[in-house]
N, C-alpha and C. Protein backbone atom coordinates (compact mmCIF):
# COMPACT_ATOMS: atom_id res chain seq x y z
N MET A 1 132.75 118.82 23.39
CA MET A 1 131.69 118.11 23.94
C MET A 1 131.57 116.94 25.20
N HIS A 2 131.31 117.31 26.49
CA HIS A 2 131.77 116.18 27.78
C HIS A 2 130.42 115.28 28.01
N VAL A 3 130.55 114.44 27.70
CA VAL A 3 129.66 113.17 27.89
C VAL A 3 130.14 112.64 29.70
N ASN A 4 129.12 112.51 30.29
CA ASN A 4 128.95 111.98 31.84
C ASN A 4 128.25 110.40 31.58
N ARG A 5 129.55 109.46 30.94
CA ARG A 5 129.03 108.27 31.16
C ARG A 5 128.40 107.41 31.97
N LYS A 6 128.56 108.11 33.27
CA LYS A 6 127.97 107.19 34.35
C LYS A 6 126.50 107.90 34.32
N ARG A 7 125.94 108.67 34.29
CA ARG A 7 124.80 109.06 33.62
C ARG A 7 123.94 108.63 32.77
N VAL A 8 124.88 108.40 31.51
CA VAL A 8 124.01 108.04 30.42
C VAL A 8 124.12 106.43 30.22
N ARG A 9 124.71 105.58 31.36
CA ARG A 9 124.07 104.59 31.31
C ARG A 9 123.38 104.49 32.71
N THR A 10 122.93 105.33 33.88
CA THR A 10 122.04 105.21 34.51
C THR A 10 120.83 105.53 33.72
N LEU A 11 120.55 106.54 33.05
CA LEU A 11 119.48 106.71 32.25
C LEU A 11 119.08 105.68 31.09
N ALA A 12 120.47 105.01 30.31
CA ALA A 12 120.11 103.77 29.54
C ALA A 12 119.20 102.69 30.51
N SER A 13 119.93 102.38 31.50
CA SER A 13 119.28 101.53 32.53
C SER A 13 118.00 101.87 32.72
N ALA A 14 117.47 102.94 33.72
CA ALA A 14 116.19 103.08 33.67
C ALA A 14 115.01 102.91 32.60
N LEU A 15 115.77 103.36 31.41
CA LEU A 15 114.86 103.38 30.19
C LEU A 15 114.53 101.80 29.72
N ALA A 16 115.17 101.00 29.66
CA ALA A 16 115.18 99.71 29.82
C ALA A 16 114.32 98.92 30.77
N LEU A 17 114.36 99.49 32.25
CA LEU A 17 113.90 98.40 32.77
C LEU A 17 112.42 99.46 32.92
N LEU A 18 112.35 100.34 32.67
CA LEU A 18 110.87 101.12 32.14
C LEU A 18 110.38 100.18 31.12
N LEU A 19 111.25 99.98 29.93
CA LEU A 19 110.33 99.18 28.72
C LEU A 19 110.29 97.97 28.88
N GLY A 20 111.10 96.98 30.27
CA GLY A 20 110.63 95.95 30.03
C GLY A 20 109.56 95.43 31.38
N LEU A 21 109.12 96.75 31.99
CA LEU A 21 107.67 96.28 32.86
C LEU A 21 106.46 96.49 32.04
N THR A 22 107.04 97.68 31.34
CA THR A 22 105.99 98.21 30.29
C THR A 22 105.44 96.79 29.26
N ALA A 23 106.51 96.20 28.82
CA ALA A 23 106.44 95.09 27.94
C ALA A 23 105.52 94.08 28.95
N ALA A 24 105.97 93.89 30.22
CA ALA A 24 105.52 92.35 30.92
C ALA A 24 104.04 92.66 31.27
N THR A 25 103.98 93.83 31.58
CA THR A 25 102.39 94.35 31.68
C THR A 25 102.02 94.19 30.39
N ALA A 26 102.10 94.40 29.79
CA ALA A 26 101.39 94.18 28.27
C ALA A 26 101.15 92.80 27.88
N ALA A 27 102.05 91.70 28.31
CA ALA A 27 102.14 90.49 27.79
C ALA A 27 101.20 89.62 28.84
N THR A 28 101.10 90.21 30.04
CA THR A 28 100.51 89.67 30.96
C THR A 28 99.46 90.03 30.51
N ALA A 29 98.58 90.94 30.14
CA ALA A 29 97.23 91.32 30.29
C ALA A 29 97.07 90.59 29.15
N ASP A 30 97.20 90.56 28.02
CA ASP A 30 97.16 89.79 26.75
C ASP A 30 97.53 87.85 26.66
N LEU A 31 98.04 87.37 28.06
CA LEU A 31 98.05 86.45 27.66
C LEU A 31 96.74 85.31 27.86
N ARG A 32 96.63 84.26 26.94
CA ARG A 32 95.76 83.11 26.90
C ARG A 32 96.34 81.89 27.14
N GLY A 33 95.33 81.29 27.38
CA GLY A 33 96.09 79.65 27.94
C GLY A 33 96.42 79.56 29.02
N VAL A 34 96.85 78.50 28.98
CA VAL A 34 97.86 78.15 30.46
C VAL A 34 99.38 77.63 30.45
N VAL A 35 99.87 77.80 31.69
CA VAL A 35 101.36 77.20 31.68
C VAL A 35 101.51 76.17 32.07
N ASN A 36 101.65 74.78 31.61
CA ASN A 36 102.13 73.45 32.78
C ASN A 36 103.34 73.65 33.04
N VAL A 37 103.00 74.00 34.66
CA VAL A 37 104.48 74.46 35.40
C VAL A 37 105.52 72.88 35.66
N ASN A 38 104.74 71.38 35.72
CA ASN A 38 105.42 70.56 35.87
C ASN A 38 106.45 70.07 34.60
N THR A 39 105.88 70.83 32.98
CA THR A 39 106.71 70.25 32.03
C THR A 39 107.36 71.71 30.82
N ALA A 40 106.97 72.85 31.75
CA ALA A 40 107.33 73.86 30.86
C ALA A 40 108.66 74.18 31.02
N SER A 41 109.12 75.05 29.82
CA SER A 41 110.57 75.56 29.71
C SER A 41 110.74 77.16 30.60
N ALA A 42 112.00 77.48 31.21
CA ALA A 42 112.19 78.60 31.40
C ALA A 42 111.24 80.13 30.95
N GLU A 43 111.76 79.73 29.20
CA GLU A 43 110.76 81.08 28.66
C GLU A 43 109.84 80.60 28.72
N GLU A 44 108.93 79.27 28.63
CA GLU A 44 107.60 79.47 29.08
C GLU A 44 107.10 79.96 30.45
N LEU A 45 107.67 80.01 31.74
CA LEU A 45 107.16 80.14 32.78
C LEU A 45 107.58 81.63 33.03
N GLN A 46 108.37 82.51 31.98
CA GLN A 46 108.03 83.68 32.12
C GLN A 46 106.88 83.99 30.93
N LEU A 47 106.32 83.53 30.60
CA LEU A 47 104.60 83.70 30.26
C LEU A 47 103.97 84.56 31.19
N LEU A 48 104.17 83.62 32.47
CA LEU A 48 103.05 83.63 33.85
C LEU A 48 103.48 85.49 34.71
N PRO A 49 102.60 85.59 34.91
CA PRO A 49 102.81 87.11 35.46
C PRO A 49 103.64 86.97 36.36
N GLY A 50 104.21 88.11 36.85
CA GLY A 50 105.41 88.42 37.94
C GLY A 50 106.48 87.02 37.76
N VAL A 51 106.62 86.63 36.58
CA VAL A 51 107.85 85.55 36.56
C VAL A 51 108.44 85.90 35.40
N GLY A 52 109.88 86.21 36.24
CA GLY A 52 110.95 86.51 35.38
C GLY A 52 112.01 85.50 35.28
N GLU A 53 113.15 85.64 35.06
CA GLU A 53 114.20 84.88 34.91
C GLU A 53 114.66 84.05 36.12
N SER A 54 115.03 84.82 36.78
CA SER A 54 115.18 84.34 38.53
C SER A 54 113.74 83.72 38.96
N ARG A 55 112.83 84.04 38.96
CA ARG A 55 111.59 83.36 39.63
C ARG A 55 111.28 81.85 38.53
N ALA A 56 111.41 82.05 37.59
CA ALA A 56 111.63 80.79 36.17
C ALA A 56 112.86 79.82 36.83
N ALA A 57 113.63 80.38 37.01
CA ALA A 57 115.11 79.01 37.53
C ALA A 57 114.53 78.72 38.64
N ALA A 58 113.89 79.41 39.64
CA ALA A 58 113.48 79.21 41.32
C ALA A 58 112.52 77.89 41.60
N ILE A 59 111.58 78.39 40.01
CA ILE A 59 110.78 77.20 40.02
C ILE A 59 111.12 75.96 39.20
N LEU A 60 111.75 76.19 38.69
CA LEU A 60 112.55 74.92 38.03
C LEU A 60 113.48 74.22 39.12
N GLU A 61 114.02 74.94 40.00
CA GLU A 61 114.80 74.19 40.94
C GLU A 61 114.01 73.41 41.97
N LEU A 62 112.64 74.03 42.46
CA LEU A 62 111.79 73.47 43.03
C LEU A 62 110.69 71.78 42.42
N ARG A 63 110.67 72.44 40.96
CA ARG A 63 110.29 71.02 40.58
C ARG A 63 110.82 70.01 40.49
N GLN A 64 112.41 70.20 40.20
CA GLN A 64 113.12 68.91 39.97
C GLN A 64 113.37 68.60 41.91
N LYS A 65 113.76 69.35 42.50
CA LYS A 65 113.72 68.63 44.44
C LYS A 65 113.06 67.77 44.35
N ALA A 66 111.46 68.20 43.75
CA ALA A 66 109.88 67.97 44.44
C ALA A 66 109.65 67.05 43.16
N GLY A 67 110.22 66.60 42.37
CA GLY A 67 109.98 65.76 41.37
C GLY A 67 108.50 65.99 40.45
N GLY A 68 108.50 67.56 40.69
CA GLY A 68 107.06 67.96 40.15
C GLY A 68 105.94 68.75 41.33
N PHE A 69 104.87 69.18 40.60
CA PHE A 69 104.05 69.81 41.51
C PHE A 69 103.22 69.04 41.56
N LYS A 70 102.57 69.10 42.66
CA LYS A 70 101.23 68.17 42.80
C LYS A 70 99.96 68.81 43.02
N SER A 71 100.03 70.01 43.25
CA SER A 71 99.52 71.11 43.17
C SER A 71 99.51 72.59 43.21
N VAL A 72 98.96 73.63 42.58
CA VAL A 72 99.32 74.63 41.93
C VAL A 72 99.64 75.57 43.28
N GLU A 73 98.92 75.25 44.51
CA GLU A 73 99.34 76.03 45.70
C GLU A 73 100.90 75.77 46.28
N GLU A 74 101.60 74.85 45.60
CA GLU A 74 103.16 74.43 45.59
C GLU A 74 103.77 75.79 45.22
N LEU A 75 103.64 76.02 44.73
CA LEU A 75 104.35 77.39 43.96
C LEU A 75 104.67 78.89 44.60
N ALA A 76 103.55 78.14 46.24
CA ALA A 76 103.73 79.43 47.10
C ALA A 76 105.15 79.12 48.15
N GLN A 77 105.74 77.91 47.49
CA GLN A 77 107.17 77.61 48.54
C GLN A 77 108.35 77.97 47.57
N VAL A 78 107.80 78.68 46.51
CA VAL A 78 108.94 79.05 45.72
C VAL A 78 109.01 81.33 46.27
N LYS A 79 110.76 81.46 46.49
CA LYS A 79 110.63 82.63 47.43
C LYS A 79 110.42 83.79 46.31
N GLY A 80 109.08 84.55 46.21
CA GLY A 80 108.64 85.61 45.70
C GLY A 80 107.47 85.52 45.30
N ILE A 81 106.76 84.26 45.29
CA ILE A 81 105.75 83.82 45.00
C ILE A 81 104.68 83.48 46.68
N GLY A 82 104.20 84.74 46.63
CA GLY A 82 103.15 84.93 47.92
C GLY A 82 101.72 84.59 47.67
N ALA A 83 100.64 84.73 48.32
CA ALA A 83 99.67 84.88 48.01
C ALA A 83 99.00 85.56 46.97
N VAL A 84 99.23 86.81 46.91
CA VAL A 84 98.62 87.60 45.66
C VAL A 84 99.68 87.25 44.51
N ALA A 85 100.76 86.95 44.58
CA ALA A 85 101.45 86.81 43.20
C ALA A 85 100.86 85.41 42.92
N LEU A 86 100.16 84.29 43.43
CA LEU A 86 99.77 83.25 43.43
C LEU A 86 98.52 83.32 42.69
N GLU A 87 97.89 84.23 42.77
CA GLU A 87 96.37 84.55 42.80
C GLU A 87 96.20 85.36 41.38
N ARG A 88 97.02 86.12 41.23
CA ARG A 88 97.57 86.94 39.86
C ARG A 88 98.17 85.77 38.95
N MET A 89 98.37 84.49 38.71
CA MET A 89 98.99 83.61 37.90
C MET A 89 98.38 82.15 37.69
N ARG A 90 97.50 82.43 38.82
CA ARG A 90 96.56 81.41 39.46
C ARG A 90 95.52 80.87 37.53
N PRO A 91 95.18 81.70 36.92
CA PRO A 91 93.96 80.99 35.64
C PRO A 91 95.06 80.70 34.63
N HIS A 92 96.38 81.20 34.73
CA HIS A 92 97.38 80.71 33.77
C HIS A 92 98.14 79.86 34.23
N VAL A 93 97.96 78.89 35.31
CA VAL A 93 98.50 78.01 35.83
C VAL A 93 97.62 76.48 35.59
N THR A 94 98.81 75.30 35.26
CA THR A 94 97.94 73.66 35.28
C THR A 94 99.08 73.08 35.87
N ILE A 95 99.08 72.17 36.35
CA ILE A 95 100.11 70.65 36.68
C ILE A 95 99.99 69.82 35.46
N GLN A 96 99.20 69.88 34.48
CA GLN A 96 99.25 68.32 33.57
C GLN A 96 98.37 69.44 32.55
N GLY A 97 98.97 68.38 31.43
CA GLY A 97 98.46 68.59 30.16
C GLY A 97 99.63 69.50 29.62
N LYS A 98 98.79 70.24 28.09
CA LYS A 98 99.88 70.57 27.41
C LYS A 98 99.90 72.51 27.87
N THR A 99 101.12 73.05 27.51
CA THR A 99 101.28 74.33 27.87
C THR A 99 100.53 74.61 26.71
N THR A 100 99.47 75.62 26.98
CA THR A 100 99.00 76.46 25.74
C THR A 100 98.84 77.59 25.68
N ALA A 101 99.86 78.42 26.61
CA ALA A 101 100.05 80.07 27.07
C ALA A 101 100.35 80.71 25.54
N ARG A 102 100.05 81.96 25.39
CA ARG A 102 100.45 82.32 24.12
C ARG A 102 99.88 84.19 24.61
N VAL A 103 100.85 85.09 23.78
CA VAL A 103 100.49 86.30 24.24
C VAL A 103 100.01 86.76 23.12
N GLU A 104 98.84 87.31 22.77
CA GLU A 104 97.54 87.60 21.94
C GLU A 104 97.97 89.36 22.01
């Protein structure tokens, strides 16, 4: 039996992407609490809608360069976070206090 490895890899990648997007959508829909973008780890930042590994790293980099965020609106300076993305994550973001976000 001949197995086309390239096709198998492509299908496996597509399935992984689909499962990841489904999990991310479900997690966002059930997110409770807030993430303090001034103290959160990369993993905690990834609880936010639309934030994956690369965007979390970009948030951490801007936080370090700026010495912290003084307002939630400053997140718009992160590449990939525009007005729509900011509004989607706004209910789950704070700049002070504890990170209390959890997926239910």
